[in-house]
Amino acid sequence: MSFQDPAVPHCPFDFADALEFDPSLASLAQRGPVNRIRLPYGEAEAWLVTSFAGVRQVTCDPRFSRAAIVGRDYPRMTPEPIVSPESINVTDPPHVTRLRHVTAQAFTRERVAAMRPAVDKVVARLLTAMAEAGPPADLVTHLSVPLPHLTICELLAVPEADRDQLRDWTMRLLATSPDARQNAADAKARLRKYFAELIPARRSAPGEDLLSAMATAEVPEGEEPLSDDELAVLAVTLILSGNDTATCQISNIAYLLLTRPEERAALAREPGRFPGALEELLRFIPFRKGVGIPRIALEDAEIEGTAISAGDYVHVSYLAANRDPAVFPDPHELDLERPVHPHMTFGWGGHHCLAAPLARAELDSAVTGLLARFPDLRLDVSPDAIRWDTGTIRRFPLGLPVTW
């Protein structure tokens, strides 16, 4: 199949109509679990896997390698590859196992539980500032944007004077426009250099922060400790993650609950239901566009009955897997009483997001705190008047005007 085959659909995955599911992605999933696609950037076509079973296979099968994409102009949605070559996101076992072992020590259940008071404190401070500013207010400005960034900076012990600059670099790295490439590459290099300069002091005089925890973490017997550069890349990954999932989802969850008063009222009556409802909200909301980082088939393989040749690029869609009717009956319906079933919003397999417990804690704190503090919160504009992000790989409202 040639690169110019007109039968292969070009997939910009740029759909940004509120939180409606991307019709092009839905159409591909209806065609079958594995399809050939062409993305806006990169040297070649790719396979796209959309079924839950297919995505699970690819993410757990060592024949599909993320490390093999390093140094290649792989098919993607952004002009500049978001991840660094040494990132945990583009490593395979056994190297990824070593990196994840260190990172996992920073996100144990006990450590995340210990982080929760710090998260609650940031939420309370932000909501108080919003209340003092008085209605109306923009929820994105007052809560969604600052909370994840301030939280991860707090946990990494980033000096307050540097936090705005780090956020600016992060936003530049997530842009999708063709002219953003040099800006993004520069931002990635600056982020990496910034953390590389912090690490020696954290090794010699560790504190209670995550960077110190990773710098001093034990490694399995026979393994080398992580280098300063590896730790810097891990810190950049955490900053990117902290400004991605949680930022989008705070706004998206608030938008859904404010436009679905019955669901919101039910949660207000029974706040103890929120953790289960959160999993359904995470499953349902398409918090990003299209696809992420591909893999390369190291040998001939088969996915859901489709033959994949060695050397082929393979993308997976966690978004489509979350809407697989074989796993989630009536998948396009939001059902806050749906029995909890593992979803793929935080990835799957060897690259499942290790910071997912922290993201859940942030979301729980932000949304429950918001509803408790402002029980009569409502949108200050028509839902049709809300502007949505169209310039990055993410899906979220650029502003969410509310009143109370």
Protein backbone atom coordinates (compact mmCIF):
# COMPACT_ATOMS: atom_id res chain seq x y z
CA MET A 1 0.00 0.00 0.00
CA SER A 2 1.67 3.27 -1.10
CA PHE A 3 1.89 6.41 0.95
CA GLN A 4 -0.29 8.22 -1.61
CA ASP A 5 -3.07 5.63 -1.64
CA PRO A 6 -6.25 7.74 -1.90
CA ALA A 7 -8.19 5.05 -0.03
CA VAL A 8 -6.24 5.88 3.14
CA PRO A 9 -8.04 8.70 4.95
CA HIS A 10 -6.20 11.83 5.98
CA CYS A 11 -6.98 12.29 9.67
CA PRO A 12 -6.23 15.75 11.12
CA PHE A 13 -8.30 14.82 14.20
CA ASP A 14 -9.00 18.52 14.71
CA PHE A 15 -12.65 18.17 15.77
CA ALA A 16 -13.41 20.55 18.66
CA ASP A 17 -17.20 20.85 18.98
CA ALA A 18 -17.70 21.10 22.75
CA LEU A 19 -17.40 17.55 24.14
CA GLU A 20 -19.04 15.76 21.24
CA PHE A 21 -17.16 12.66 20.12
CA ASP A 22 -15.04 13.14 16.97
CA PRO A 23 -17.23 11.79 14.11
CA SER A 24 -14.18 10.82 12.03
CA LEU A 25 -12.85 8.69 14.88
CA ALA A 26 -16.29 7.16 15.44
CA SER A 27 -16.52 6.37 11.72
CA LEU A 28 -13.13 4.64 11.74
CA ALA A 29 -14.13 2.56 14.77
CA GLN A 30 -17.34 1.51 13.02
CA ARG A 31 -15.37 0.36 9.98
CA GLY A 32 -13.47 -2.13 12.09
CA PRO A 33 -11.00 -2.40 14.95
CA VAL A 34 -7.91 -1.72 12.79
CA ASN A 35 -7.66 0.84 9.98
CA ARG A 36 -4.97 2.51 7.91
CA ILE A 37 -4.68 6.31 8.39
CA ARG A 38 -2.51 9.29 7.47
CA LEU A 39 -1.77 11.98 10.08
CA PRO A 40 -0.80 15.65 9.51
CA TYR A 41 2.92 15.18 10.25
CA GLY A 42 5.39 12.35 9.74
CA GLU A 43 6.96 10.22 7.06
CA ALA A 44 4.41 7.47 6.61
CA GLU A 45 0.96 6.09 7.14
CA ALA A 46 0.03 4.19 10.28
CA TRP A 47 -2.38 1.59 11.54
CA LEU A 48 -4.98 2.87 13.97
CA VAL A 49 -6.37 0.42 16.54
CA THR A 50 -9.70 1.46 18.09
CA SER A 51 -11.16 -1.56 19.92
CA PHE A 52 -10.59 -2.10 23.64
CA ALA A 53 -9.18 -5.60 23.04
CA GLY A 54 -6.94 -4.40 20.23
CA VAL A 55 -5.57 -1.47 22.21
CA ARG A 56 -4.96 -3.74 25.19
CA GLN A 57 -3.01 -6.14 22.96
CA VAL A 58 -0.81 -3.46 21.40
CA THR A 59 -0.01 -1.77 24.72
CA CYS A 60 0.96 -5.05 26.38
CA ASP A 61 2.71 -6.86 23.51
CA PRO A 62 6.53 -6.38 23.41
CA ARG A 63 6.45 -6.83 19.62
CA PHE A 64 5.11 -3.26 19.41
CA SER A 65 7.89 -0.88 20.45
CA ARG A 66 7.75 2.77 21.39
CA ALA A 67 11.53 2.98 21.70
CA ALA A 68 11.86 2.11 18.01
CA ILE A 69 10.29 5.44 16.98
CA VAL A 70 13.20 7.43 18.42
CA GLY A 71 15.09 9.22 15.64
CA ARG A 72 12.28 8.69 13.12
CA ASP A 73 9.88 11.18 11.60
CA TYR A 74 6.97 9.18 12.95
CA PRO A 75 3.31 9.93 12.09
CA ARG A 76 1.87 12.38 14.63
CA MET A 77 -0.44 15.34 15.20
CA THR A 78 2.11 17.98 16.28
CA PRO A 79 4.89 19.50 14.14
CA GLU A 80 7.49 18.85 16.85
CA PRO A 81 7.49 15.48 18.65
CA ILE A 82 6.27 16.20 22.18
CA VAL A 83 8.42 13.63 23.95
CA SER A 84 12.19 13.65 24.36
CA PRO A 85 14.09 10.58 23.08
CA GLU A 86 14.99 9.61 26.66
CA SER A 87 11.45 10.05 27.98
CA ILE A 88 9.79 7.24 29.89
CA ASN A 89 7.02 7.51 27.28
CA VAL A 90 9.29 6.19 24.51
CA THR A 91 11.14 3.43 26.30
CA ASP A 92 10.53 -0.30 26.36
CA PRO A 93 11.29 -3.01 28.92
CA PRO A 94 13.66 -3.50 30.62
CA HIS A 95 14.65 0.20 30.57
CA VAL A 96 11.09 1.46 31.07
CA THR A 97 10.73 -0.93 34.01
CA ARG A 98 13.71 0.73 35.71
CA LEU A 99 12.30 4.23 35.11
CA ARG A 100 8.81 3.25 36.23
CA HIS A 101 10.19 1.59 39.36
CA VAL A 102 11.74 4.90 40.41
CA THR A 103 8.73 7.00 39.44
CA ALA A 104 6.30 4.61 41.11
CA GLN A 105 8.02 5.25 44.45
CA ALA A 106 6.98 8.90 44.12
CA PHE A 107 3.33 7.95 43.55
CA THR A 108 2.62 5.18 46.03
CA ARG A 109 -0.86 5.13 47.54
CA GLU A 110 0.59 6.37 50.83
CA ARG A 111 2.51 9.23 49.23
CA VAL A 112 -0.51 10.36 47.17
CA ALA A 113 -2.68 10.21 50.31
CA ALA A 114 -0.08 12.38 52.02
CA MET A 115 -0.23 14.80 49.06
CA ARG A 116 -4.00 15.23 49.34
CA PRO A 117 -3.93 17.92 52.05
CA ALA A 118 -1.61 20.00 49.85
CA VAL A 119 -4.01 19.60 46.92
CA ASP A 120 -7.01 20.53 49.10
CA LYS A 121 -5.13 23.57 50.36
CA VAL A 122 -4.46 24.82 46.82
CA VAL A 123 -8.11 24.20 45.86
CA ALA A 124 -9.38 26.08 48.91
CA ARG A 125 -7.08 29.01 48.20
CA LEU A 126 -8.18 29.22 44.56
CA LEU A 127 -11.89 28.94 45.38
CA THR A 128 -11.57 31.61 48.06
CA ALA A 129 -9.93 33.95 45.56
CA MET A 130 -12.75 33.23 43.11
CA ALA A 131 -15.39 33.95 45.76
CA GLU A 132 -13.67 37.19 46.74
CA ALA A 133 -13.48 38.30 43.10
CA GLY A 134 -17.25 37.89 43.06
CA PRO A 135 -19.58 36.65 40.36
CA PRO A 136 -19.31 36.33 37.46
CA ALA A 137 -15.97 34.53 37.21
CA ASP A 138 -14.10 32.39 34.72
CA LEU A 139 -13.67 28.90 36.15
CA VAL A 140 -10.82 28.11 33.75
CA THR A 141 -8.80 31.11 34.92
CA HIS A 142 -9.59 30.67 38.61
CA LEU A 143 -9.37 26.88 38.97
CA SER A 144 -8.73 24.62 35.97
CA VAL A 145 -5.53 26.21 34.71
CA PRO A 146 -3.80 27.12 37.98
CA LEU A 147 -4.66 24.05 40.09
CA PRO A 148 -2.77 21.25 38.26
CA HIS A 149 0.18 23.51 37.46
CA LEU A 150 0.45 24.90 40.99
CA THR A 151 0.00 21.41 42.46
CA ILE A 152 2.73 19.74 40.40
CA CYS A 153 5.05 22.73 40.93
CA GLU A 154 4.33 22.55 44.65
CA LEU A 155 5.05 18.82 44.72
CA LEU A 156 8.26 19.26 42.72
CA ALA A 157 9.20 22.25 44.94
CA VAL A 158 9.58 24.57 41.95
CA PRO A 159 10.29 28.10 43.25
CA GLU A 160 7.22 30.33 42.92
CA ALA A 161 9.12 32.86 40.81
CA ASP A 162 9.69 30.23 38.09
CA ARG A 163 6.18 28.78 37.81
CA ASP A 164 4.72 31.13 35.21
CA GLN A 165 7.73 30.58 32.95
CA LEU A 166 7.37 26.79 33.22
CA ARG A 167 3.70 27.03 32.27
CA ASP A 168 4.54 29.15 29.22
CA TRP A 169 7.09 26.59 28.01
CA THR A 170 4.58 23.77 28.58
CA MET A 171 1.86 25.48 26.54
CA ARG A 172 4.26 26.09 23.66
CA LEU A 173 5.11 22.39 23.58
CA LEU A 174 1.44 21.34 23.21
CA ALA A 175 0.68 23.56 20.17
CA THR A 176 -0.29 21.90 16.86
CA SER A 177 0.12 24.68 14.26
CA PRO A 178 2.83 24.11 11.59
CA ASP A 179 4.67 27.33 12.50
CA ALA A 180 4.98 26.27 16.15
CA ARG A 181 7.73 23.74 15.59
CA GLN A 182 10.80 25.81 16.49
CA ASN A 183 9.01 27.39 19.44
CA ALA A 184 8.08 23.93 20.73
CA ALA A 185 11.58 22.53 20.29
CA ASP A 186 13.03 25.51 22.14
CA ALA A 187 10.49 25.14 24.96
CA LYS A 188 11.27 21.45 25.37
CA ALA A 189 15.01 22.15 25.59
CA ARG A 190 14.46 24.91 28.14
CA LEU A 191 12.24 22.74 30.34
CA ARG A 192 14.78 19.97 30.32
CA LYS A 193 17.68 22.32 31.10
CA TYR A 194 15.71 23.91 33.93
CA PHE A 195 15.15 20.63 35.76
CA ALA A 196 18.65 19.35 35.02
CA GLU A 197 19.97 22.37 36.94
CA LEU A 198 17.73 21.65 39.95
CA ILE A 199 18.64 18.00 40.40
CA PRO A 200 22.21 18.13 41.82
CA ALA A 201 20.98 20.13 44.83
CA ARG A 202 18.08 17.71 45.38
CA ARG A 203 20.55 14.80 45.42
CA SER A 204 22.91 16.44 47.89
CA ALA A 205 20.22 17.92 50.15
CA PRO A 206 16.94 16.09 49.46
CA GLY A 207 13.67 17.50 50.73
CA GLU A 208 10.13 16.13 50.88
CA ASP A 209 9.35 16.93 47.22
CA LEU A 210 8.80 14.50 44.35
CA LEU A 211 12.02 15.44 42.57
CA SER A 212 14.00 14.63 45.71
CA ALA A 213 12.06 11.38 46.09
CA MET A 214 12.95 10.31 42.55
CA ALA A 215 16.56 11.49 42.87
CA THR A 216 17.07 9.37 45.99
CA ALA A 217 14.83 6.43 45.10
CA GLU A 218 16.20 2.93 45.45
CA VAL A 219 16.82 1.01 42.24
CA PRO A 220 16.65 -2.77 41.81
CA GLU A 221 19.85 -4.62 42.65
CA GLY A 222 22.27 -4.53 39.75
CA GLU A 223 20.67 -1.44 38.20
CA GLU A 224 22.29 1.96 37.83
CA PRO A 225 20.68 4.95 39.58
CA LEU A 226 18.94 7.37 37.26
CA SER A 227 21.18 10.02 35.75
CA ASP A 228 20.51 13.74 36.13
CA ASP A 229 19.35 13.83 32.51
CA GLU A 230 16.93 10.93 33.01
CA LEU A 231 15.48 12.63 36.08
CA ALA A 232 15.13 15.91 34.17
CA VAL A 233 13.17 14.16 31.43
CA LEU A 234 10.94 12.52 34.06
CA ALA A 235 10.26 15.92 35.60
CA VAL A 236 9.33 17.36 32.20
CA THR A 237 6.97 14.43 31.67
CA LEU A 238 5.30 15.17 35.02
CA ILE A 239 4.93 18.87 34.19
CA LEU A 240 3.38 18.01 30.82
CA SER A 241 1.03 15.47 32.38
CA GLY A 242 0.11 17.87 35.16
CA ASN A 243 -0.91 20.53 32.67
CA ASP A 244 -2.74 18.14 30.37
CA THR A 245 -5.24 15.66 31.79
CA ALA A 246 -6.23 17.41 35.02
CA THR A 247 -6.41 20.92 33.49
CA CYS A 248 -8.71 19.73 30.73
CA GLN A 249 -10.82 17.47 32.88
CA ILE A 250 -11.58 19.97 35.65
CA SER A 251 -13.12 22.28 33.04
CA ASN A 252 -14.76 19.46 31.11
CA ILE A 253 -16.34 17.84 34.18
CA ALA A 254 -17.59 21.20 35.43
CA TYR A 255 -19.05 21.95 31.99
CA LEU A 256 -20.85 18.61 31.85
CA LEU A 257 -22.30 18.92 35.33
CA LEU A 258 -23.37 22.53 34.76
CA THR A 259 -25.15 21.55 31.54
CA ARG A 260 -26.70 18.39 33.05
CA PRO A 261 -28.50 19.63 36.17
CA GLU A 262 -30.08 16.24 37.01
CA GLU A 263 -26.70 14.51 37.25
CA ARG A 264 -25.26 17.39 39.22
CA ALA A 265 -28.18 17.43 41.66
CA ALA A 266 -27.84 13.67 42.22
CA LEU A 267 -24.16 14.05 43.09
CA ALA A 268 -24.93 17.00 45.37
CA ARG A 269 -27.42 14.82 47.27
CA GLU A 270 -24.97 11.92 47.52
CA PRO A 271 -21.40 13.28 47.35
CA GLY A 272 -20.08 9.87 48.37
CA ARG A 273 -20.97 8.65 44.88
CA PHE A 274 -18.48 10.97 43.26
CA PRO A 275 -15.45 8.62 43.08
CA GLY A 276 -17.46 6.09 41.02
CA ALA A 277 -19.07 8.85 38.95
CA LEU A 278 -15.61 10.28 38.29
CA GLU A 279 -14.54 7.07 36.54
CA GLU A 280 -17.54 7.32 34.22
CA LEU A 281 -16.83 10.99 33.54
CA LEU A 282 -13.21 10.14 32.73
CA ARG A 283 -14.30 7.34 30.40
CA PHE A 284 -16.89 9.45 28.63
CA ILE A 285 -15.10 12.76 28.11
CA PRO A 286 -12.85 13.01 25.02
CA PHE A 287 -10.23 15.13 26.80
CA ARG A 288 -7.81 15.16 23.87
CA LYS A 289 -7.83 14.85 20.10
CA GLY A 290 -6.92 11.84 18.01
CA VAL A 291 -3.89 9.84 19.05
CA GLY A 292 -0.66 10.10 21.02
CA ILE A 293 2.65 8.30 20.61
CA PRO A 294 2.80 5.40 18.11
CA ARG A 295 4.65 2.13 18.27
CA ILE A 296 6.55 0.21 15.60
CA ALA A 297 5.95 -3.47 14.92
CA LEU A 298 9.28 -5.23 15.50
CA GLU A 299 8.07 -8.31 13.62
CA ASP A 300 5.07 -9.45 11.65
CA ALA A 301 2.02 -9.69 13.89
CA GLU A 302 -1.76 -9.79 13.85
CA ILE A 303 -4.17 -7.43 15.62
CA GLU A 304 -7.86 -8.27 15.67
CA GLY A 305 -7.49 -10.33 12.48
CA THR A 306 -5.45 -7.68 10.60
CA ALA A 307 -1.93 -8.56 9.46
CA ILE A 308 0.68 -6.01 10.57
CA SER A 309 4.11 -6.06 8.90
CA ALA A 310 7.39 -5.56 10.70
CA GLY A 311 8.31 -1.89 10.54
CA ASP A 312 4.73 -0.61 10.39
CA TYR A 313 3.69 2.24 12.64
CA VAL A 314 0.78 1.41 14.96
CA HIS A 315 -1.29 4.04 16.76
CA VAL A 316 -3.93 3.24 19.37
CA SER A 317 -6.95 5.32 20.30
CA TYR A 318 -7.73 5.30 24.00
CA LEU A 319 -10.69 7.56 23.19
CA ALA A 320 -12.25 5.00 20.86
CA ALA A 321 -11.45 2.12 23.23
CA ASN A 322 -13.38 3.97 25.93
CA ARG A 323 -16.42 3.91 23.63
CA ASP A 324 -16.18 0.24 22.65
CA PRO A 325 -19.72 -1.23 22.93
CA ALA A 326 -18.27 -4.68 23.57
CA VAL A 327 -17.00 -3.38 26.92
CA PHE A 328 -19.26 -0.42 27.72
CA PRO A 329 -22.95 -0.96 26.81
CA ASP A 330 -24.45 2.21 25.27
CA PRO A 331 -20.96 3.70 25.24
CA HIS A 332 -22.00 7.12 23.95
CA GLU A 333 -24.30 7.65 26.94
CA LEU A 334 -23.04 9.26 30.13
CA ASP A 335 -24.30 7.06 32.96
CA LEU A 336 -23.00 8.12 36.36
CA GLU A 337 -24.40 4.92 37.87
CA ARG A 338 -22.56 2.70 35.40
CA PRO A 339 -20.69 -0.11 37.21
CA VAL A 340 -17.04 0.86 37.42
CA HIS A 341 -14.94 -0.87 34.76
CA PRO A 342 -11.29 -0.08 33.97
CA HIS A 343 -11.04 2.57 31.24
CA MET A 344 -8.13 3.82 29.17
CA THR A 345 -8.10 7.55 29.86
CA PHE A 346 -4.78 7.19 31.66
CA GLY A 347 -3.40 4.72 29.13
CA TRP A 348 -2.82 0.99 29.53
CA GLY A 349 -0.07 -1.55 29.99
CA GLY A 350 3.55 -0.55 30.43
CA HIS A 351 2.78 3.09 29.75
CA HIS A 352 -0.22 3.53 32.02
CA CYS A 353 0.14 6.95 33.67
CA LEU A 354 1.88 6.48 37.01
CA ALA A 355 0.57 9.87 38.19
CA ALA A 356 -3.07 8.84 37.65
CA PRO A 357 -3.71 8.65 41.44
CA LEU A 358 -2.58 12.27 41.76
CA ALA A 359 -4.81 13.35 38.85
CA ARG A 360 -7.78 11.59 40.47
CA ALA A 361 -7.04 13.32 43.78
CA GLU A 362 -6.90 16.71 42.03
CA LEU A 363 -10.16 16.11 40.19
CA ASP A 364 -11.95 14.83 43.28
CA SER A 365 -10.76 17.78 45.35
CA ALA A 366 -11.52 20.37 42.67
CA VAL A 367 -14.99 19.21 41.68
CA THR A 368 -16.31 18.28 45.12
CA GLY A 369 -14.82 21.47 46.56
CA LEU A 370 -16.39 23.56 43.81
CA LEU A 371 -19.88 22.06 44.23
CA ALA A 372 -19.74 22.35 48.02
CA ARG A 373 -18.45 25.94 48.01
CA PHE A 374 -20.88 27.14 45.32
CA PRO A 375 -24.06 25.03 45.56
CA ASP A 376 -25.97 27.33 43.19
CA LEU A 377 -23.15 27.59 40.63
CA ARG A 378 -24.39 27.99 37.04
CA LEU A 379 -23.12 29.05 33.63
CA ASP A 380 -23.20 32.79 33.02
CA VAL A 381 -23.53 32.36 29.24
CA SER A 382 -25.33 30.04 26.88
CA PRO A 383 -23.42 26.79 26.29
CA ASP A 384 -23.28 27.76 22.61
CA ALA A 385 -21.29 30.88 23.51
CA ILE A 386 -18.42 28.96 25.12
CA ARG A 387 -15.19 28.93 23.08
CA TRP A 388 -13.23 25.68 22.87
CA ASP A 389 -9.54 25.01 22.34
CA THR A 390 -8.66 24.50 18.68
CA GLY A 391 -4.91 25.13 18.77
CA THR A 392 -3.58 22.14 20.72
CA ILE A 393 -4.10 18.39 20.96
CA ARG A 394 -6.43 18.90 23.92
CA ARG A 395 -10.21 19.28 24.27
CA PHE A 396 -11.41 21.83 26.82
CA PRO A 397 -13.22 25.20 27.05
CA LEU A 398 -10.92 28.20 26.80
CA GLY A 399 -13.22 29.98 29.22
CA LEU A 400 -16.06 28.84 31.44
CA PRO A 401 -17.98 31.90 32.68
CA VAL A 402 -19.95 31.04 35.82
CA THR A 403 -22.03 32.87 38.38
CA TRP A 404 -23.66 32.03 41.70
